Amino acid sequence: MTPSASTTLTPNQAEQLHARVRAGEKKTILAGEYGISRETLYGYLKANSDKEGTS
């Protein structure tokens, strides 16, 4: 899949992404697999950490 500015992950994909990052997988490879840029990947990670911080 080619990275695209319009690519949005489903909530399930975002959860899988977070789990895989926590498991130590390389973010560059994950971004490529999900068809998102590294910048977008970091945005998903930040959004998740913001949610966890408010619970």
PDB file of N, CA and C in Angstrom:
ATOM      1  N   MET A   1       0.843  -1.179   0.000  1.00  0.00           N
ATOM      2  CA  MET A   1       0.000   0.000   0.000  1.00  0.00           C
ATOM      3  C   MET A   1       0.888   1.243   0.000  1.00  0.00           C
ATOM      4  N   THR A   2       0.561   2.192  -0.800  1.00  0.00           N
ATOM      5  CA  THR A   2       1.332   3.436  -0.896  1.00  0.00           C
ATOM      6  C   THR A   2       0.822   4.433   0.135  1.00  0.00           C
ATOM      7  N   PRO A   3       1.728   5.067   0.889  1.00  0.00           N
ATOM      8  CA  PRO A   3       1.273   6.058   1.868  1.00  0.00           C
ATOM      9  C   PRO A   3       0.459   7.160   1.207  1.00  0.00           C
ATOM     10  N   SER A   4      -0.580   7.573   1.894  1.00  0.00           N
ATOM     11  CA  SER A   4      -1.462   8.597   1.353  1.00  0.00           C
ATOM     12  C   SER A   4      -1.934   9.499   2.474  1.00  0.00           C
ATOM     13  N   ALA A   5      -2.049  10.772   2.180  1.00  0.00           N
ATOM     14  CA  ALA A   5      -2.529  11.724   3.173  1.00  0.00           C
ATOM     15  C   ALA A   5      -3.970  11.416   3.566  1.00  0.00           C
ATOM     16  N   SER A   6      -4.719  10.728   2.693  1.00  0.00           N
ATOM     17  CA  SER A   6      -6.121  10.445   2.981  1.00  0.00           C
ATOM     18  C   SER A   6      -6.327   9.100   3.676  1.00  0.00           C
ATOM     19  N   THR A   7      -5.252   8.346   3.923  1.00  0.00           N
ATOM     20  CA  THR A   7      -5.388   7.059   4.583  1.00  0.00           C
ATOM     21  C   THR A   7      -5.714   7.271   6.051  1.00  0.00           C
ATOM     22  N   THR A   8      -6.790   6.634   6.502  1.00  0.00           N
ATOM     23  CA  THR A   8      -7.196   6.686   7.894  1.00  0.00           C
ATOM     24  C   THR A   8      -7.323   5.260   8.392  1.00  0.00           C
ATOM     25  N   LEU A   9      -6.805   5.010   9.571  1.00  0.00           N
ATOM     26  CA  LEU A   9      -6.924   3.678  10.151  1.00  0.00           C
ATOM     27  C   LEU A   9      -8.257   3.524  10.865  1.00  0.00           C
ATOM     28  N   THR A  10      -8.784   2.313  10.820  1.00  0.00           N
ATOM     29  CA  THR A  10      -9.977   2.016  11.602  1.00  0.00           C
ATOM     30  C   THR A  10      -9.563   1.955  13.071  1.00  0.00           C
ATOM     31  N   PRO A  11     -10.500   2.049  13.990  1.00  0.00           N
ATOM     32  CA  PRO A  11     -10.140   1.916  15.407  1.00  0.00           C
ATOM     33  C   PRO A  11      -9.423   0.593  15.703  1.00  0.00           C
ATOM     34  N   ASN A  12      -9.836  -0.480  15.036  1.00  0.00           N
ATOM     35  CA  ASN A  12      -9.196  -1.778  15.232  1.00  0.00           C
ATOM     36  C   ASN A  12      -7.747  -1.757  14.731  1.00  0.00           C
ATOM     37  N   GLN A  13      -7.524  -1.153  13.565  1.00  0.00           N
ATOM     38  CA  GLN A  13      -6.168  -1.044  13.033  1.00  0.00           C
ATOM     39  C   GLN A  13      -5.291  -0.195  13.944  1.00  0.00           C
ATOM     40  N   ALA A  14      -5.843   0.892  14.466  1.00  0.00           N
ATOM     41  CA  ALA A  14      -5.082   1.765  15.358  1.00  0.00           C
ATOM     42  C   ALA A  14      -4.683   0.999  16.621  1.00  0.00           C
ATOM     43  N   GLU A  15      -5.585   0.191  17.153  1.00  0.00           N
ATOM     44  CA  GLU A  15      -5.286  -0.617  18.341  1.00  0.00           C
ATOM     45  C   GLU A  15      -4.179  -1.621  18.029  1.00  0.00           C
ATOM     46  N   GLN A  16      -4.266  -2.268  16.863  1.00  0.00           N
ATOM     47  CA  GLN A  16      -3.225  -3.216  16.450  1.00  0.00           C
ATOM     48  C   GLN A  16      -1.888  -2.504  16.291  1.00  0.00           C
ATOM     49  N   LEU A  17      -1.907  -1.317  15.720  1.00  0.00           N
ATOM     50  CA  LEU A  17      -0.696  -0.538  15.539  1.00  0.00           C
ATOM     51  C   LEU A  17      -0.037  -0.259  16.886  1.00  0.00           C
ATOM     52  N   HIS A  18      -0.810   0.205  17.848  1.00  0.00           N
ATOM     53  CA  HIS A  18      -0.271   0.512  19.179  1.00  0.00           C
ATOM     54  C   HIS A  18       0.323  -0.740  19.826  1.00  0.00           C
ATOM     55  N   ALA A  19      -0.374  -1.865  19.699  1.00  0.00           N
ATOM     56  CA  ALA A  19       0.115  -3.110  20.286  1.00  0.00           C
ATOM     57  C   ALA A  19       1.441  -3.529  19.653  1.00  0.00           C
ATOM     58  N   ARG A  20       1.533  -3.376  18.350  1.00  0.00           N
ATOM     59  CA  ARG A  20       2.760  -3.778  17.655  1.00  0.00           C
ATOM     60  C   ARG A  20       3.927  -2.859  18.008  1.00  0.00           C
ATOM     61  N   VAL A  21       3.651  -1.555  18.189  1.00  0.00           N
ATOM     62  CA  VAL A  21       4.707  -0.631  18.605  1.00  0.00           C
ATOM     63  C   VAL A  21       5.173  -0.998  20.010  1.00  0.00           C
ATOM     64  N   ARG A  22       4.216  -1.265  20.903  1.00  0.00           N
ATOM     65  CA  ARG A  22       4.574  -1.658  22.274  1.00  0.00           C
ATOM     66  C   ARG A  22       5.389  -2.952  22.288  1.00  0.00           C
ATOM     67  N   ALA A  23       5.146  -3.824  21.311  1.00  0.00           N
ATOM     68  CA  ALA A  23       5.878  -5.086  21.217  1.00  0.00           C
ATOM     69  C   ALA A  23       7.282  -4.893  20.644  1.00  0.00           C
ATOM     70  N   GLY A  24       7.583  -3.661  20.202  1.00  0.00           N
ATOM     71  CA  GLY A  24       8.928  -3.368  19.742  1.00  0.00           C
ATOM     72  C   GLY A  24       9.151  -3.396  18.242  1.00  0.00           C
ATOM     73  N   GLU A  25       8.074  -3.500  17.470  1.00  0.00           N
ATOM     74  CA  GLU A  25       8.250  -3.498  16.011  1.00  0.00           C
ATOM     75  C   GLU A  25       8.673  -2.112  15.533  1.00  0.00           C
ATOM     76  N   LYS A  26       9.438  -2.087  14.454  1.00  0.00           N
ATOM     77  CA  LYS A  26       9.954  -0.823  13.920  1.00  0.00           C
ATOM     78  C   LYS A  26       8.832   0.013  13.315  1.00  0.00           C
ATOM     79  N   LYS A  27       8.816   1.277  13.716  1.00  0.00           N
ATOM     80  CA  LYS A  27       7.747   2.179  13.279  1.00  0.00           C
ATOM     81  C   LYS A  27       7.776   2.425  11.775  1.00  0.00           C
ATOM     82  N   THR A  28       8.951   2.496  11.189  1.00  0.00           N
ATOM     83  CA  THR A  28       9.049   2.731   9.744  1.00  0.00           C
ATOM     84  C   THR A  28       8.397   1.586   8.973  1.00  0.00           C
ATOM     85  N   ILE A  29       8.651   0.368   9.408  1.00  0.00           N
ATOM     86  CA  ILE A  29       8.070  -0.800   8.740  1.00  0.00           C
ATOM     87  C   ILE A  29       6.563  -0.825   8.929  1.00  0.00           C
ATOM     88  N   LEU A  30       6.107  -0.533  10.153  1.00  0.00           N
ATOM     89  CA  LEU A  30       4.665  -0.519  10.421  1.00  0.00           C
ATOM     90  C   LEU A  30       3.956   0.534   9.579  1.00  0.00           C
ATOM     91  N   ALA A  31       4.548   1.715   9.473  1.00  0.00           N
ATOM     92  CA  ALA A  31       3.944   2.774   8.662  1.00  0.00           C
ATOM     93  C   ALA A  31       3.757   2.283   7.227  1.00  0.00           C
ATOM     94  N   GLY A  32       4.767   1.622   6.683  1.00  0.00           N
ATOM     95  CA  GLY A  32       4.663   1.091   5.325  1.00  0.00           C
ATOM     96  C   GLY A  32       3.574   0.038   5.205  1.00  0.00           C
ATOM     97  N   GLU A  33       3.480  -0.847   6.189  1.00  0.00           N
ATOM     98  CA  GLU A  33       2.463  -1.899   6.149  1.00  0.00           C
ATOM     99  C   GLU A  33       1.050  -1.333   6.214  1.00  0.00           C
ATOM    100  N   TYR A  34       0.873  -0.281   6.985  1.00  0.00           N
ATOM    101  CA  TYR A  34      -0.454   0.321   7.138  1.00  0.00           C
ATOM    102  C   TYR A  34      -0.746   1.385   6.075  1.00  0.00           C
ATOM    103  N   GLY A  35       0.249   1.685   5.242  1.00  0.00           N
ATOM    104  CA  GLY A  35       0.045   2.648   4.171  1.00  0.00           C
ATOM    105  C   GLY A  35      -0.086   4.081   4.662  1.00  0.00           C
ATOM    106  N   ILE A  36       0.615   4.378   5.767  1.00  0.00           N
ATOM    107  CA  ILE A  36       0.589   5.730   6.318  1.00  0.00           C
ATOM    108  C   ILE A  36       2.025   6.238   6.426  1.00  0.00           C
ATOM    109  N   SER A  37       2.168   7.540   6.554  1.00  0.00           N
ATOM    110  CA  SER A  37       3.503   8.103   6.734  1.00  0.00           C
ATOM    111  C   SER A  37       3.937   7.906   8.187  1.00  0.00           C
ATOM    112  N   ARG A  38       5.229   8.047   8.436  1.00  0.00           N
ATOM    113  CA  ARG A  38       5.712   7.981   9.814  1.00  0.00           C
ATOM    114  C   ARG A  38       5.103   9.106  10.636  1.00  0.00           C
ATOM    115  N   GLU A  39       4.923  10.259  10.020  1.00  0.00           N
ATOM    116  CA  GLU A  39       4.318  11.386  10.727  1.00  0.00           C
ATOM    117  C   GLU A  39       2.899  11.033  11.188  1.00  0.00           C
ATOM    118  N   THR A  40       2.132  10.389  10.315  1.00  0.00           N
ATOM    119  CA  THR A  40       0.779   9.969  10.665  1.00  0.00           C
ATOM    120  C   THR A  40       0.822   8.917  11.762  1.00  0.00           C
ATOM    121  N   LEU A  41       1.760   7.977  11.666  1.00  0.00           N
ATOM    122  CA  LEU A  41       1.909   6.953  12.689  1.00  0.00           C
ATOM    123  C   LEU A  41       2.153   7.599  14.054  1.00  0.00           C
ATOM    124  N   TYR A  42       3.059   8.563  14.097  1.00  0.00           N
ATOM    125  CA  TYR A  42       3.338   9.241  15.359  1.00  0.00           C
ATOM    126  C   TYR A  42       2.110  10.002  15.856  1.00  0.00           C
ATOM    127  N   GLY A  43       1.298  10.504  14.944  1.00  0.00           N
ATOM    128  CA  GLY A  43       0.056  11.164  15.340  1.00  0.00           C
ATOM    129  C   GLY A  43      -0.892  10.200  16.040  1.00  0.00           C
ATOM    130  N   TYR A  44      -1.010   8.975  15.501  1.00  0.00           N
ATOM    131  CA  TYR A  44      -1.841   7.959  16.150  1.00  0.00           C
ATOM    132  C   TYR A  44      -1.285   7.603  17.528  1.00  0.00           C
ATOM    133  N   LEU A  45       0.026   7.477  17.627  1.00  0.00           N
ATOM    134  CA  LEU A  45       0.636   7.144  18.917  1.00  0.00           C
ATOM    135  C   LEU A  45       0.405   8.257  19.932  1.00  0.00           C
ATOM    136  N   LYS A  46       0.533   9.509  19.482  1.00  0.00           N
ATOM    137  CA  LYS A  46       0.329  10.644  20.388  1.00  0.00           C
ATOM    138  C   LYS A  46      -1.129  10.705  20.836  1.00  0.00           C
ATOM    139  N   ALA A  47      -2.046  10.497  19.910  1.00  0.00           N
ATOM    140  CA  ALA A  47      -3.468  10.533  20.260  1.00  0.00           C
ATOM    141  C   ALA A  47      -3.789   9.465  21.300  1.00  0.00           C
ATOM    142  N   ASN A  48      -3.186   8.302  21.160  1.00  0.00           N
ATOM    143  CA  ASN A  48      -3.416   7.213  22.104  1.00  0.00           C
ATOM    144  C   ASN A  48      -2.812   7.552  23.462  1.00  0.00           C
ATOM    145  N   SER A  49      -1.617   8.127  23.472  1.00  0.00           N
ATOM    146  CA  SER A  49      -0.986   8.449  24.757  1.00  0.00           C
ATOM    147  C   SER A  49      -1.748   9.574  25.453  1.00  0.00           C
ATOM    148  N   ASP A  50      -2.334  10.493  24.685  1.00  0.00           N
ATOM    149  CA  ASP A  50      -3.162  11.542  25.263  1.00  0.00           C
ATOM    150  C   ASP A  50      -4.396  10.947  25.935  1.00  0.00           C
ATOM    151  N   LYS A  51      -5.013   9.956  25.283  1.00  0.00           N
ATOM    152  CA  LYS A  51      -6.198   9.297  25.848  1.00  0.00           C
ATOM    153  C   LYS A  51      -5.838   8.549  27.123  1.00  0.00           C
ATOM    154  N   GLU A  52      -4.706   7.840  27.103  1.00  0.00           N
ATOM    155  CA  GLU A  52      -4.300   7.073  28.275  1.00  0.00           C
ATOM    156  C   GLU A  52      -3.980   8.003  29.436  1.00  0.00           C
ATOM    157  N   GLY A  53      -3.461   9.175  29.149  1.00  0.00           N
ATOM    158  CA  GLY A  53      -3.103  10.125  30.190  1.00  0.00           C
ATOM    159  C   GLY A  53      -4.307  10.740  30.881  1.00  0.00           C
ATOM    160  N   THR A  54      -5.465  10.713  30.211  1.00  0.00           N
ATOM    161  CA  THR A  54      -6.659  11.341  30.781  1.00  0.00           C
ATOM    162  C   THR A  54      -7.567  10.343  31.458  1.00  0.00           C
ATOM    163  N   SER A  55      -7.248   9.042  31.420  1.00  0.00           N
ATOM    164  CA  SER A  55      -8.128   8.062  32.037  1.00  0.00           C
ATOM    165  C   SER A  55      -7.869   7.908  33.503  1.00  0.00           C
TER     166      SER A  55
END
